[in-house]
Structures are given as C-alpha cells and as structure tokens.
N, C-alpha and C. Protein backbone atom coordinates (compact mmCIF):
# COMPACT_ATOMS: atom_id res chain seq x y z
N MET A 1 -17.81 0.40 18.31
CA MET A 1 -18.52 1.17 17.30
C MET A 1 -18.26 0.53 15.94
N ASN A 2 -19.27 0.41 15.14
CA ASN A 2 -19.16 -0.06 13.77
C ASN A 2 -19.50 1.09 12.83
N LEU A 3 -18.69 1.26 11.81
CA LEU A 3 -18.93 2.32 10.83
C LEU A 3 -19.01 1.70 9.44
N ALA A 4 -19.89 2.19 8.62
CA ALA A 4 -20.02 1.72 7.24
C ALA A 4 -18.83 2.23 6.42
N GLY A 5 -18.48 1.47 5.40
CA GLY A 5 -17.36 1.87 4.55
C GLY A 5 -17.56 3.21 3.86
N ASP A 6 -18.80 3.62 3.67
CA ASP A 6 -19.05 4.91 3.02
C ASP A 6 -19.40 6.01 4.03
N ASP A 7 -19.15 5.76 5.31
CA ASP A 7 -19.40 6.77 6.35
C ASP A 7 -18.49 7.97 6.11
N GLU A 8 -19.08 9.15 6.04
CA GLU A 8 -18.33 10.37 5.76
C GLU A 8 -17.16 10.57 6.72
N ARG A 9 -17.31 10.14 7.95
CA ARG A 9 -16.24 10.32 8.95
C ARG A 9 -15.01 9.49 8.62
N THR A 10 -15.18 8.36 7.95
CA THR A 10 -14.02 7.52 7.61
C THR A 10 -13.41 7.93 6.29
N ARG A 11 -14.03 8.85 5.60
CA ARG A 11 -13.52 9.29 4.29
C ARG A 11 -12.54 10.45 4.41
N LYS A 12 -12.09 10.75 5.60
CA LYS A 12 -11.15 11.85 5.80
C LYS A 12 -9.70 11.41 5.69
N PHE A 13 -9.47 10.10 5.66
CA PHE A 13 -8.11 9.59 5.52
C PHE A 13 -7.61 9.84 4.10
N VAL A 14 -6.32 10.05 3.97
CA VAL A 14 -5.65 10.16 2.68
C VAL A 14 -4.66 9.01 2.62
N THR A 15 -4.74 8.20 1.57
CA THR A 15 -3.86 7.03 1.47
C THR A 15 -3.27 6.93 0.07
N ASN A 16 -2.37 5.98 -0.06
CA ASN A 16 -1.88 5.61 -1.39
C ASN A 16 -2.74 4.45 -1.89
N LEU A 17 -2.43 3.96 -3.06
CA LEU A 17 -3.08 2.76 -3.56
C LEU A 17 -2.00 1.70 -3.77
N GLY A 18 -2.03 0.68 -2.94
CA GLY A 18 -1.11 -0.43 -3.10
C GLY A 18 -1.72 -1.42 -4.08
N LEU A 19 -0.98 -1.75 -5.10
CA LEU A 19 -1.38 -2.80 -6.03
C LEU A 19 -0.71 -4.07 -5.53
N ILE A 20 -1.50 -4.94 -4.91
CA ILE A 20 -0.97 -6.14 -4.28
C ILE A 20 -1.02 -7.27 -5.30
N THR A 21 0.14 -7.84 -5.58
CA THR A 21 0.23 -8.92 -6.55
C THR A 21 0.57 -10.22 -5.83
N SER A 22 0.06 -11.31 -6.39
CA SER A 22 0.28 -12.62 -5.78
C SER A 22 0.11 -13.69 -6.85
N SER A 23 0.50 -14.89 -6.50
CA SER A 23 0.28 -16.04 -7.36
C SER A 23 0.03 -17.23 -6.44
N GLY A 24 -0.93 -18.06 -6.82
CA GLY A 24 -1.29 -19.21 -5.99
C GLY A 24 -2.47 -19.93 -6.59
N PRO A 25 -3.38 -20.45 -5.76
CA PRO A 25 -4.52 -21.22 -6.24
C PRO A 25 -5.40 -20.46 -7.24
N HIS A 26 -5.43 -19.14 -7.15
CA HIS A 26 -6.24 -18.33 -8.07
C HIS A 26 -5.42 -17.84 -9.25
N GLY A 27 -4.20 -18.35 -9.41
CA GLY A 27 -3.32 -17.91 -10.48
C GLY A 27 -2.72 -16.56 -10.16
N PRO A 28 -2.00 -15.98 -11.13
CA PRO A 28 -1.46 -14.64 -10.91
C PRO A 28 -2.61 -13.65 -10.71
N ASN A 29 -2.47 -12.77 -9.73
CA ASN A 29 -3.58 -11.88 -9.39
C ASN A 29 -3.04 -10.52 -8.95
N ILE A 30 -3.93 -9.52 -9.05
CA ILE A 30 -3.63 -8.17 -8.59
C ILE A 30 -4.89 -7.61 -7.93
N MET A 31 -4.71 -6.88 -6.87
CA MET A 31 -5.84 -6.19 -6.23
C MET A 31 -5.36 -4.83 -5.75
N ALA A 32 -6.29 -3.90 -5.59
CA ALA A 32 -5.97 -2.59 -5.04
C ALA A 32 -6.25 -2.62 -3.54
N ALA A 33 -5.27 -2.20 -2.75
CA ALA A 33 -5.43 -2.16 -1.29
C ALA A 33 -5.11 -0.75 -0.80
N GLU A 34 -6.15 -0.06 -0.39
CA GLU A 34 -5.98 1.29 0.13
C GLU A 34 -5.12 1.29 1.39
N TRP A 35 -5.24 0.24 2.19
CA TRP A 35 -4.52 0.17 3.46
C TRP A 35 -3.22 -0.61 3.26
N THR A 36 -2.22 0.09 2.76
CA THR A 36 -0.89 -0.46 2.50
C THR A 36 0.09 0.47 3.20
N HIS A 37 0.86 -0.07 4.15
CA HIS A 37 1.69 0.80 4.99
C HIS A 37 3.08 0.22 5.22
N HIS A 38 4.08 1.08 5.13
CA HIS A 38 5.44 0.71 5.53
C HIS A 38 5.50 0.88 7.04
N ILE A 39 5.74 -0.19 7.78
CA ILE A 39 5.62 -0.12 9.25
C ILE A 39 6.93 -0.28 10.01
N SER A 40 8.03 -0.58 9.30
CA SER A 40 9.33 -0.71 9.97
C SER A 40 10.44 -0.52 8.95
N HIS A 41 11.52 0.15 9.40
CA HIS A 41 12.68 0.34 8.53
C HIS A 41 13.66 -0.83 8.64
N ALA A 42 13.90 -1.31 9.85
CA ALA A 42 14.91 -2.36 10.04
C ALA A 42 14.40 -3.40 11.03
N PRO A 43 13.92 -4.52 10.54
CA PRO A 43 13.84 -4.89 9.13
C PRO A 43 12.72 -4.13 8.44
N SER A 44 12.84 -4.00 7.13
CA SER A 44 11.82 -3.30 6.37
C SER A 44 10.58 -4.18 6.28
N LEU A 45 9.46 -3.67 6.82
CA LEU A 45 8.21 -4.42 6.86
C LEU A 45 7.09 -3.59 6.25
N ILE A 46 6.21 -4.26 5.50
CA ILE A 46 5.04 -3.63 4.91
C ILE A 46 3.82 -4.41 5.37
N ALA A 47 2.77 -3.68 5.77
CA ALA A 47 1.50 -4.30 6.17
C ALA A 47 0.45 -3.97 5.11
N ILE A 48 -0.36 -4.97 4.78
CA ILE A 48 -1.48 -4.77 3.89
C ILE A 48 -2.73 -5.30 4.58
N CYS A 49 -3.84 -4.62 4.39
CA CYS A 49 -5.10 -5.04 5.01
C CYS A 49 -6.09 -5.38 3.90
N ILE A 50 -6.57 -6.64 3.90
CA ILE A 50 -7.46 -7.10 2.86
C ILE A 50 -8.55 -7.98 3.46
N HIS A 51 -9.61 -8.21 2.71
CA HIS A 51 -10.68 -9.09 3.17
C HIS A 51 -10.28 -10.55 3.04
N ALA A 52 -10.74 -11.36 3.97
CA ALA A 52 -10.43 -12.79 3.97
C ALA A 52 -10.97 -13.50 2.74
N VAL A 53 -12.03 -12.99 2.13
CA VAL A 53 -12.63 -13.64 0.96
C VAL A 53 -11.91 -13.30 -0.34
N ASP A 54 -10.97 -12.37 -0.31
CA ASP A 54 -10.25 -11.99 -1.52
C ASP A 54 -9.37 -13.13 -2.01
N ALA A 55 -9.28 -13.27 -3.32
CA ALA A 55 -8.40 -14.28 -3.92
C ALA A 55 -6.96 -14.06 -3.46
N THR A 56 -6.59 -12.80 -3.28
CA THR A 56 -5.23 -12.48 -2.83
C THR A 56 -4.93 -13.12 -1.48
N ALA A 57 -5.91 -13.13 -0.58
CA ALA A 57 -5.70 -13.73 0.75
C ALA A 57 -5.34 -15.20 0.62
N GLU A 58 -6.09 -15.94 -0.18
CA GLU A 58 -5.79 -17.37 -0.35
C GLU A 58 -4.45 -17.56 -1.06
N ASN A 59 -4.16 -16.73 -2.07
CA ASN A 59 -2.86 -16.83 -2.74
C ASN A 59 -1.71 -16.62 -1.76
N ILE A 60 -1.83 -15.60 -0.90
CA ILE A 60 -0.76 -15.33 0.07
C ILE A 60 -0.67 -16.45 1.10
N ASP A 61 -1.82 -16.94 1.58
CA ASP A 61 -1.81 -18.03 2.56
C ASP A 61 -1.04 -19.24 2.04
N VAL A 62 -1.20 -19.54 0.76
CA VAL A 62 -0.54 -20.72 0.17
C VAL A 62 0.91 -20.42 -0.21
N SER A 63 1.15 -19.29 -0.88
CA SER A 63 2.50 -18.99 -1.38
C SER A 63 3.42 -18.39 -0.34
N ARG A 64 2.84 -17.73 0.68
CA ARG A 64 3.59 -17.07 1.76
C ARG A 64 4.47 -15.93 1.25
N GLU A 65 3.99 -15.27 0.18
CA GLU A 65 4.71 -14.13 -0.38
C GLU A 65 3.72 -13.26 -1.15
N PHE A 66 4.11 -11.98 -1.37
CA PHE A 66 3.27 -11.07 -2.14
C PHE A 66 4.10 -9.88 -2.61
N GLY A 67 3.59 -9.20 -3.63
CA GLY A 67 4.22 -7.99 -4.13
C GLY A 67 3.41 -6.78 -3.73
N VAL A 68 4.10 -5.68 -3.46
CA VAL A 68 3.45 -4.40 -3.18
C VAL A 68 3.98 -3.42 -4.22
N ASN A 69 3.08 -2.91 -5.04
CA ASN A 69 3.41 -1.97 -6.10
C ASN A 69 2.63 -0.69 -5.81
N ILE A 70 3.31 0.37 -5.42
CA ILE A 70 2.60 1.61 -5.11
C ILE A 70 2.25 2.29 -6.43
N CYS A 71 0.97 2.45 -6.65
CA CYS A 71 0.42 2.96 -7.90
C CYS A 71 0.92 4.38 -8.17
N ALA A 72 1.40 4.60 -9.40
CA ALA A 72 1.84 5.93 -9.81
C ALA A 72 0.64 6.76 -10.25
N SER A 73 0.81 8.08 -10.25
CA SER A 73 -0.29 8.98 -10.59
C SER A 73 -0.77 8.79 -12.03
N ASP A 74 0.05 8.20 -12.89
CA ASP A 74 -0.37 7.93 -14.27
C ASP A 74 -0.95 6.53 -14.44
N GLN A 75 -1.27 5.85 -13.34
CA GLN A 75 -1.77 4.47 -13.40
C GLN A 75 -3.18 4.33 -12.82
N ALA A 76 -4.01 5.35 -12.97
CA ALA A 76 -5.37 5.29 -12.44
C ALA A 76 -6.16 4.13 -13.06
N SER A 77 -5.91 3.85 -14.33
CA SER A 77 -6.63 2.73 -14.97
C SER A 77 -6.21 1.40 -14.36
N VAL A 78 -4.94 1.26 -14.02
CA VAL A 78 -4.48 0.03 -13.37
C VAL A 78 -5.17 -0.13 -12.02
N ALA A 79 -5.26 0.96 -11.26
CA ALA A 79 -5.93 0.92 -9.95
C ALA A 79 -7.40 0.54 -10.11
N SER A 80 -8.05 1.09 -11.13
CA SER A 80 -9.47 0.79 -11.35
C SER A 80 -9.69 -0.67 -11.73
N ILE A 81 -8.80 -1.23 -12.52
CA ILE A 81 -8.91 -2.64 -12.88
C ILE A 81 -8.62 -3.52 -11.67
N ALA A 82 -7.56 -3.19 -10.94
CA ALA A 82 -7.16 -4.00 -9.78
C ALA A 82 -8.21 -3.96 -8.69
N GLY A 83 -8.91 -2.84 -8.55
CA GLY A 83 -9.90 -2.70 -7.48
C GLY A 83 -11.34 -2.87 -7.92
N GLY A 84 -11.57 -3.04 -9.22
CA GLY A 84 -12.93 -3.05 -9.73
C GLY A 84 -13.63 -4.39 -9.80
N SER A 85 -12.91 -5.47 -9.55
CA SER A 85 -13.52 -6.80 -9.61
C SER A 85 -12.73 -7.73 -8.70
N HIS A 86 -13.23 -8.94 -8.53
CA HIS A 86 -12.60 -9.92 -7.64
C HIS A 86 -11.78 -10.93 -8.44
N GLY A 87 -10.61 -11.25 -7.93
CA GLY A 87 -9.70 -12.18 -8.60
C GLY A 87 -10.20 -13.60 -8.67
N ASN A 88 -11.21 -13.94 -7.88
CA ASN A 88 -11.78 -15.29 -8.00
C ASN A 88 -12.84 -15.33 -9.09
N GLU A 89 -13.15 -14.18 -9.71
CA GLU A 89 -14.13 -14.10 -10.79
C GLU A 89 -13.54 -13.63 -12.11
N VAL A 90 -12.46 -12.84 -12.06
CA VAL A 90 -11.90 -12.21 -13.25
C VAL A 90 -10.39 -12.39 -13.26
N ASP A 91 -9.83 -12.68 -14.43
CA ASP A 91 -8.38 -12.72 -14.60
C ASP A 91 -7.92 -11.28 -14.85
N LYS A 92 -7.67 -10.56 -13.77
CA LYS A 92 -7.32 -9.14 -13.88
C LYS A 92 -5.95 -8.94 -14.53
N ILE A 93 -5.06 -9.91 -14.36
CA ILE A 93 -3.75 -9.83 -15.03
C ILE A 93 -3.96 -9.88 -16.54
N GLY A 94 -4.86 -10.77 -17.00
CA GLY A 94 -5.19 -10.85 -18.42
C GLY A 94 -5.77 -9.54 -18.94
N VAL A 95 -6.64 -8.89 -18.15
CA VAL A 95 -7.22 -7.61 -18.55
C VAL A 95 -6.11 -6.57 -18.70
N LEU A 96 -5.22 -6.50 -17.73
CA LEU A 96 -4.12 -5.53 -17.79
C LEU A 96 -3.25 -5.77 -19.02
N GLN A 97 -2.89 -7.03 -19.27
CA GLN A 97 -2.04 -7.34 -20.42
C GLN A 97 -2.74 -7.00 -21.73
N GLU A 98 -4.04 -7.27 -21.81
CA GLU A 98 -4.82 -6.94 -23.01
C GLU A 98 -4.80 -5.43 -23.29
N LEU A 99 -4.74 -4.63 -22.22
CA LEU A 99 -4.69 -3.17 -22.35
C LEU A 99 -3.26 -2.65 -22.57
N GLY A 100 -2.28 -3.54 -22.59
CA GLY A 100 -0.90 -3.13 -22.82
C GLY A 100 -0.16 -2.69 -21.58
N ILE A 101 -0.71 -2.97 -20.41
CA ILE A 101 -0.02 -2.64 -19.15
C ILE A 101 1.10 -3.66 -18.97
N GLU A 102 2.31 -3.16 -18.73
CA GLU A 102 3.46 -4.05 -18.61
C GLU A 102 3.64 -4.55 -17.18
N LEU A 103 3.88 -5.84 -17.08
CA LEU A 103 4.19 -6.50 -15.82
C LEU A 103 5.53 -7.20 -16.00
N TYR A 104 6.16 -7.52 -14.90
CA TYR A 104 7.39 -8.32 -14.97
C TYR A 104 7.37 -9.33 -13.84
N LYS A 105 8.13 -10.40 -14.01
CA LYS A 105 8.19 -11.44 -12.98
C LYS A 105 9.05 -10.95 -11.83
N GLY A 106 8.58 -11.16 -10.62
CA GLY A 106 9.36 -10.78 -9.45
C GLY A 106 10.74 -11.43 -9.48
N LYS A 107 11.73 -10.74 -8.94
CA LYS A 107 13.09 -11.27 -8.91
C LYS A 107 13.24 -12.35 -7.85
N LYS A 108 12.52 -12.19 -6.72
CA LYS A 108 12.68 -13.14 -5.61
C LYS A 108 11.38 -13.80 -5.19
N ILE A 109 10.27 -13.43 -5.82
CA ILE A 109 8.99 -14.07 -5.53
C ILE A 109 8.34 -14.51 -6.83
N ASN A 110 7.43 -15.44 -6.73
CA ASN A 110 6.73 -15.95 -7.91
C ASN A 110 5.40 -15.21 -8.08
N ALA A 111 5.49 -13.90 -8.29
CA ALA A 111 4.30 -13.09 -8.50
C ALA A 111 4.64 -12.02 -9.52
N PRO A 112 3.66 -11.59 -10.30
CA PRO A 112 3.93 -10.49 -11.24
C PRO A 112 4.11 -9.18 -10.48
N MET A 113 4.87 -8.29 -11.07
CA MET A 113 5.06 -6.96 -10.51
C MET A 113 4.67 -5.95 -11.58
N VAL A 114 4.22 -4.76 -11.16
CA VAL A 114 3.70 -3.76 -12.09
C VAL A 114 4.82 -2.81 -12.52
N LYS A 115 5.13 -2.83 -13.81
CA LYS A 115 6.14 -1.93 -14.35
C LYS A 115 5.60 -0.49 -14.30
N GLY A 116 6.46 0.45 -13.95
CA GLY A 116 6.06 1.86 -13.92
C GLY A 116 5.44 2.31 -12.61
N ALA A 117 5.33 1.41 -11.64
CA ALA A 117 4.82 1.80 -10.32
C ALA A 117 5.86 2.68 -9.64
N VAL A 118 5.42 3.53 -8.71
CA VAL A 118 6.33 4.40 -7.97
C VAL A 118 7.33 3.57 -7.19
N MET A 119 6.86 2.46 -6.61
CA MET A 119 7.70 1.58 -5.81
C MET A 119 7.21 0.16 -5.99
N ASN A 120 8.16 -0.76 -6.08
CA ASN A 120 7.86 -2.19 -6.16
C ASN A 120 8.62 -2.89 -5.04
N ALA A 121 7.90 -3.60 -4.19
CA ALA A 121 8.53 -4.35 -3.10
C ALA A 121 8.06 -5.80 -3.17
N GLU A 122 9.01 -6.69 -3.10
CA GLU A 122 8.71 -8.11 -3.03
C GLU A 122 8.82 -8.52 -1.57
N CYS A 123 7.78 -9.18 -1.06
CA CYS A 123 7.71 -9.46 0.37
C CYS A 123 7.52 -10.95 0.64
N ARG A 124 8.18 -11.40 1.69
CA ARG A 124 7.97 -12.74 2.23
C ARG A 124 7.08 -12.60 3.45
N LEU A 125 6.04 -13.42 3.53
CA LEU A 125 5.07 -13.31 4.62
C LEU A 125 5.74 -13.54 5.97
N LEU A 126 5.54 -12.59 6.88
CA LEU A 126 6.07 -12.69 8.23
C LEU A 126 4.97 -13.03 9.23
N GLY A 127 3.76 -12.49 8.99
CA GLY A 127 2.66 -12.76 9.92
C GLY A 127 1.33 -12.38 9.33
N LYS A 128 0.28 -12.97 9.89
CA LYS A 128 -1.10 -12.72 9.46
C LYS A 128 -1.93 -12.51 10.71
N TYR A 129 -2.73 -11.44 10.73
CA TYR A 129 -3.50 -11.09 11.91
C TYR A 129 -4.92 -10.74 11.51
N GLU A 130 -5.89 -11.28 12.23
CA GLU A 130 -7.28 -10.93 12.00
C GLU A 130 -7.61 -9.73 12.87
N LEU A 131 -7.89 -8.61 12.22
CA LEU A 131 -8.19 -7.37 12.94
C LEU A 131 -9.50 -6.82 12.38
N GLY A 132 -10.55 -6.91 13.16
CA GLY A 132 -11.85 -6.43 12.70
C GLY A 132 -12.32 -7.19 11.48
N ASP A 133 -12.76 -6.46 10.46
CA ASP A 133 -13.30 -7.10 9.27
C ASP A 133 -12.26 -7.32 8.17
N HIS A 134 -10.98 -7.14 8.49
CA HIS A 134 -9.90 -7.36 7.53
C HIS A 134 -8.84 -8.27 8.12
N LEU A 135 -8.05 -8.85 7.23
CA LEU A 135 -6.84 -9.56 7.62
C LEU A 135 -5.68 -8.61 7.36
N THR A 136 -4.75 -8.56 8.29
CA THR A 136 -3.54 -7.78 8.09
C THR A 136 -2.39 -8.75 7.86
N TYR A 137 -1.78 -8.63 6.70
CA TYR A 137 -0.60 -9.43 6.36
C TYR A 137 0.61 -8.53 6.50
N VAL A 138 1.62 -9.02 7.19
CA VAL A 138 2.87 -8.28 7.33
C VAL A 138 3.93 -9.05 6.56
N GLY A 139 4.58 -8.34 5.64
CA GLY A 139 5.61 -8.96 4.84
C GLY A 139 6.95 -8.29 5.05
N GLU A 140 8.01 -9.11 5.07
CA GLU A 140 9.36 -8.57 5.13
C GLU A 140 9.83 -8.32 3.71
N VAL A 141 10.32 -7.12 3.45
CA VAL A 141 10.78 -6.74 2.12
C VAL A 141 12.09 -7.48 1.83
N ILE A 142 12.11 -8.21 0.71
CA ILE A 142 13.32 -8.94 0.32
C ILE A 142 13.90 -8.41 -0.99
N GLU A 143 13.17 -7.53 -1.66
CA GLU A 143 13.63 -6.87 -2.90
C GLU A 143 12.80 -5.61 -3.05
N ILE A 144 13.44 -4.50 -3.42
CA ILE A 144 12.69 -3.25 -3.55
C ILE A 144 13.35 -2.35 -4.59
N SER A 145 12.52 -1.63 -5.32
CA SER A 145 13.02 -0.62 -6.26
C SER A 145 12.00 0.52 -6.29
N ALA A 146 12.45 1.68 -6.77
CA ALA A 146 11.56 2.85 -6.82
C ALA A 146 11.92 3.70 -8.03
N LEU A 147 10.95 4.47 -8.48
CA LEU A 147 11.13 5.43 -9.56
C LEU A 147 10.98 6.83 -8.97
N PRO A 148 12.10 7.46 -8.57
CA PRO A 148 12.02 8.75 -7.87
C PRO A 148 11.38 9.87 -8.68
N GLU A 149 11.38 9.75 -10.00
CA GLU A 149 10.80 10.80 -10.83
C GLU A 149 9.27 10.76 -10.88
N LYS A 150 8.67 9.69 -10.34
CA LYS A 150 7.21 9.56 -10.38
C LYS A 150 6.59 9.90 -9.03
N GLN A 151 5.32 10.28 -9.07
CA GLN A 151 4.57 10.59 -7.86
C GLN A 151 3.50 9.51 -7.63
N PRO A 152 3.18 9.21 -6.38
CA PRO A 152 2.15 8.21 -6.11
C PRO A 152 0.75 8.74 -6.41
N LEU A 153 -0.13 7.83 -6.77
CA LEU A 153 -1.55 8.16 -6.90
C LEU A 153 -2.12 8.25 -5.49
N VAL A 154 -2.84 9.30 -5.21
CA VAL A 154 -3.41 9.53 -3.88
C VAL A 154 -4.88 9.13 -3.92
N TYR A 155 -5.35 8.53 -2.84
CA TYR A 155 -6.75 8.12 -2.75
C TYR A 155 -7.39 8.83 -1.56
N HIS A 156 -8.47 9.54 -1.82
CA HIS A 156 -9.17 10.28 -0.76
C HIS A 156 -10.64 10.42 -1.14
N ASN A 157 -11.50 10.09 -0.20
CA ASN A 157 -12.94 10.26 -0.36
C ASN A 157 -13.47 9.54 -1.61
N GLY A 158 -12.91 8.34 -1.88
CA GLY A 158 -13.37 7.53 -3.00
C GLY A 158 -12.92 8.01 -4.36
N ARG A 159 -11.95 8.94 -4.40
CA ARG A 159 -11.48 9.48 -5.66
C ARG A 159 -9.95 9.46 -5.71
N TYR A 160 -9.42 9.54 -6.93
CA TYR A 160 -7.98 9.61 -7.16
C TYR A 160 -7.54 11.08 -7.22
N TRP A 161 -6.34 11.34 -6.69
CA TRP A 161 -5.79 12.69 -6.67
C TRP A 161 -4.30 12.63 -6.97
N ASN A 162 -3.73 13.77 -7.36
CA ASN A 162 -2.29 13.94 -7.43
C ASN A 162 -1.80 14.38 -6.06
N VAL A 163 -0.51 14.27 -5.83
CA VAL A 163 0.06 14.69 -4.54
C VAL A 163 -0.24 16.15 -4.29
N GLY A 164 -0.11 17.02 -5.27
CA GLY A 164 -0.48 18.42 -5.09
C GLY A 164 0.67 19.31 -4.69
N GLU A 165 0.30 20.48 -4.26
CA GLU A 165 1.26 21.53 -3.92
C GLU A 165 1.98 21.20 -2.61
N ARG A 166 3.28 21.41 -2.61
CA ARG A 166 4.07 21.20 -1.41
C ARG A 166 3.81 22.34 -0.43
N ILE A 167 3.65 21.98 0.81
CA ILE A 167 3.44 22.97 1.87
C ILE A 167 4.73 23.06 2.67
N GLU A 168 5.26 24.26 2.80
CA GLU A 168 6.52 24.46 3.51
C GLU A 168 6.33 24.26 5.01
N LYS A 169 7.41 23.87 5.67
CA LYS A 169 7.39 23.79 7.13
C LYS A 169 7.26 25.20 7.69
N PRO A 170 6.91 25.32 8.96
CA PRO A 170 6.80 26.66 9.56
C PRO A 170 8.14 27.41 9.46
N PRO A 171 8.09 28.74 9.53
CA PRO A 171 9.34 29.53 9.47
C PRO A 171 10.27 29.18 10.65
N GLN A 172 11.54 29.46 10.47
CA GLN A 172 12.55 29.09 11.47
C GLN A 172 12.24 29.66 12.85
N GLU A 173 11.75 30.90 12.92
CA GLU A 173 11.46 31.48 14.24
C GLU A 173 10.34 30.70 14.95
N THR A 174 9.37 30.19 14.19
CA THR A 174 8.31 29.36 14.78
C THR A 174 8.88 28.03 15.25
N LEU A 175 9.75 27.43 14.43
CA LEU A 175 10.39 26.16 14.82
C LEU A 175 11.24 26.35 16.08
N ASP A 176 11.97 27.47 16.16
CA ASP A 176 12.78 27.76 17.34
C ASP A 176 11.90 27.92 18.58
N ARG A 177 10.77 28.60 18.44
CA ARG A 177 9.84 28.77 19.57
C ARG A 177 9.28 27.43 20.01
N ILE A 178 8.90 26.59 19.05
CA ILE A 178 8.39 25.25 19.37
C ILE A 178 9.45 24.45 20.12
N ARG A 179 10.69 24.50 19.64
CA ARG A 179 11.79 23.76 20.28
C ARG A 179 12.00 24.24 21.72
N ALA A 180 11.92 25.55 21.94
CA ALA A 180 12.07 26.10 23.29
C ALA A 180 10.93 25.65 24.19
N LEU A 181 9.71 25.63 23.67
CA LEU A 181 8.56 25.17 24.46
C LEU A 181 8.65 23.68 24.77
N VAL A 182 9.13 22.91 23.83
CA VAL A 182 9.32 21.47 24.08
C VAL A 182 10.31 21.27 25.21
N GLU A 183 11.40 22.03 25.21
CA GLU A 183 12.38 21.94 26.29
C GLU A 183 11.76 22.34 27.63
N LYS A 184 10.95 23.39 27.61
CA LYS A 184 10.30 23.88 28.82
C LYS A 184 9.35 22.83 29.40
N TYR A 185 8.66 22.09 28.57
CA TYR A 185 7.64 21.14 29.02
C TYR A 185 8.10 19.68 28.99
N LYS A 186 9.41 19.42 28.97
CA LYS A 186 9.90 18.05 29.00
C LYS A 186 9.51 17.37 30.31
N LYS A 187 9.23 16.09 30.22
CA LYS A 187 8.78 15.30 31.38
C LYS A 187 9.87 14.39 31.92
N GLY A 188 11.02 14.73 32.09
CA GLY A 188 12.01 13.83 32.64
C GLY A 188 12.61 12.94 31.56
N SER A 189 13.44 12.01 32.01
CA SER A 189 14.14 11.17 31.02
C SER A 189 13.34 9.90 30.78
N GLY A 190 12.82 9.79 29.65
CA GLY A 190 12.06 8.63 29.23
C GLY A 190 12.18 8.48 27.74
N ARG A 191 11.19 7.88 27.18
CA ARG A 191 11.17 7.72 25.72
C ARG A 191 10.99 9.06 25.04
N LYS A 192 11.42 9.14 23.80
CA LYS A 192 11.33 10.38 23.03
C LYS A 192 9.90 10.76 22.72
N HIS A 193 9.05 9.80 22.43
CA HIS A 193 7.71 10.14 21.89
C HIS A 193 6.64 9.89 22.90
C-alpha cells in the first residue's frame, strides 16, 4: 500500500521534531526530521529517517556523523527554518545566525549543535538502511546533554503543539486488577513481551 504524505490516516502520529545537524559537502546544515527516534539504551542509538536527496544525507554519507537536537517548545521558528527549505539551496545555518539563534560546535563531531534544544546528541554513524521512500541512519550517541526544565516541541497533523496536560496512570485498584489478569493469562515461560 502507498499512502500520500498528506493522507489523513498518516496524520494521527504524534512525534517530536529532531533538528538534524551535519557538516560535509553542503557545508554546515540543519534540517527538521519528524522521524527521529531513540531506539536503544545500551549502546545508546538514535535513528533518523530522511530523504536520499536531502543535503543532510550526503553530508552524513561523507562525514559519517550527525547531531540530533530535539526542538524545544520555544523553538518553533528554528523548526520552521530547518524544515522550510533544502540545504542544497539555502544556507539555513546562516539564516538562523542572522536571526540570533545560537549554535555551538559539537564537542566530538564537526557539526553545529542548537543551543537551547531540549536534548543535544552527537552521533557517529553506525548504519544506513534504505526503507521505502526514506533512508534510515542509525547513529551511536557519543556525547549527549539535556535541559530538563524545557519541554519538547510536539508535531501532530502538520502543526506544532506543546506537550500539554499530564494524564495520570489508572488508579491502583485498576492496576492491581490488570496485574492479576496478566498473571491469569500468562503463556508459560518465554519472553516478557
């Protein structure tokens, strides 16, 4: 099945906005990647999904490294700049600097990092996979920092959102009932999930 990017059924996902930074043949660059995921704790791995024609793809292919900056809720303009044009046509880093957005040089990679992001991870390329109409790059985290006082910018249905109201877990009596039912319906000794 093929679905269009604006298909209402695919707009039900809620994601963060990864600001992917790189440096290479296209110079220092930034792009917005909705599909940015932490996929392993040990070793810490992050996957990003981008188009093969993006300047970021060529930068990563050559440099074998990239930055992942999770956009903070007060950085909607950064997300719009990073996602609003192509790095092979526009110097988006120059646009950000002209607007007074602060960047800093990565500690362990040769790519700019976005100051004030919720999380900044410097990654060394571990693997590249062609999956459908995107390339998936998996990077091993070699440096990471976070700003716990900030909230991530949320992306849903083509719009930016705040995280919103916290929803409590079910009451303890419901959790106890669920736990009892799980015990009742266990399938022998195997994997947990």
